Amino acid sequence: MISERTVALLRDPDTREPLELVEDCLVNAASGARYPIREGIPVFVSETSGRNRKYQELYDRTAALYDPVLAISRWLKFNKDLRLEFVRELEIPAGARVLEVSVGTGANLKYFPADAEFFGLDLSWGMLRQCRKRLDRGKRRAALFQGEAERRLPGLRRYFRNRTEAVAGPLALVPAGMREAQCREIAWGWMYCLTFRKP
């Protein structure tokens, strides 16, 4: 069940207004919008389209095989587990509050401090179910949510819409006033790492 502490942190993805827990839903009292809670996971997306639908369906179909296939490919030396490289960049202190967008199967969780307050968002229901299984096996706790990243982070939709050139790290999306903002390539240029510090 979703905790009152977590509910107090949540906002309606469309209006940014607070939500209240009412029976098996999160409700925006101002607009009347309702977001169901399915198997203990709040659902902030009802229907997807375009690339979101394509990838949602892909990851829903492959979720159960995702971690085993990656483990085999690492064992065969086809790829390297790059997770630790970018998680180290976060410098997460003990007791921190962590939101992982596109949490997938929760494979990064083992790299975070055990006492971190962990939140995970993903579009794929299949991946969220695998993540919850991993949490149960590791006796870890996390609040999971199904939703679209661009609805939680509104600047992303504008940044990626109708692009014709290669995507560069979105340094311009760092909130104003942040210190030491930088974007650099990692994992042989397959990914970028965007970091900044709060003042």
Foldseek 3Di string as FASTA:
>chain_A
DDDPVVQQVDAQLVPRAGWDDDPQWTARVVPRDTWGQDPNATENDDDDDDPLVVVQVVCLVCQVVVVVVVVVCVVVVVADPCLLVQVVVVVADAQAEDEDEQCFLVPNVVVHPQRYAYEYEEQHPSRVVNNVVVCVVVVGDYHYYHDDPCSNLVVVCVQPPPDDDDDDPPLVSPDPPWAPWDKDADPVNPDIHTDTHHD
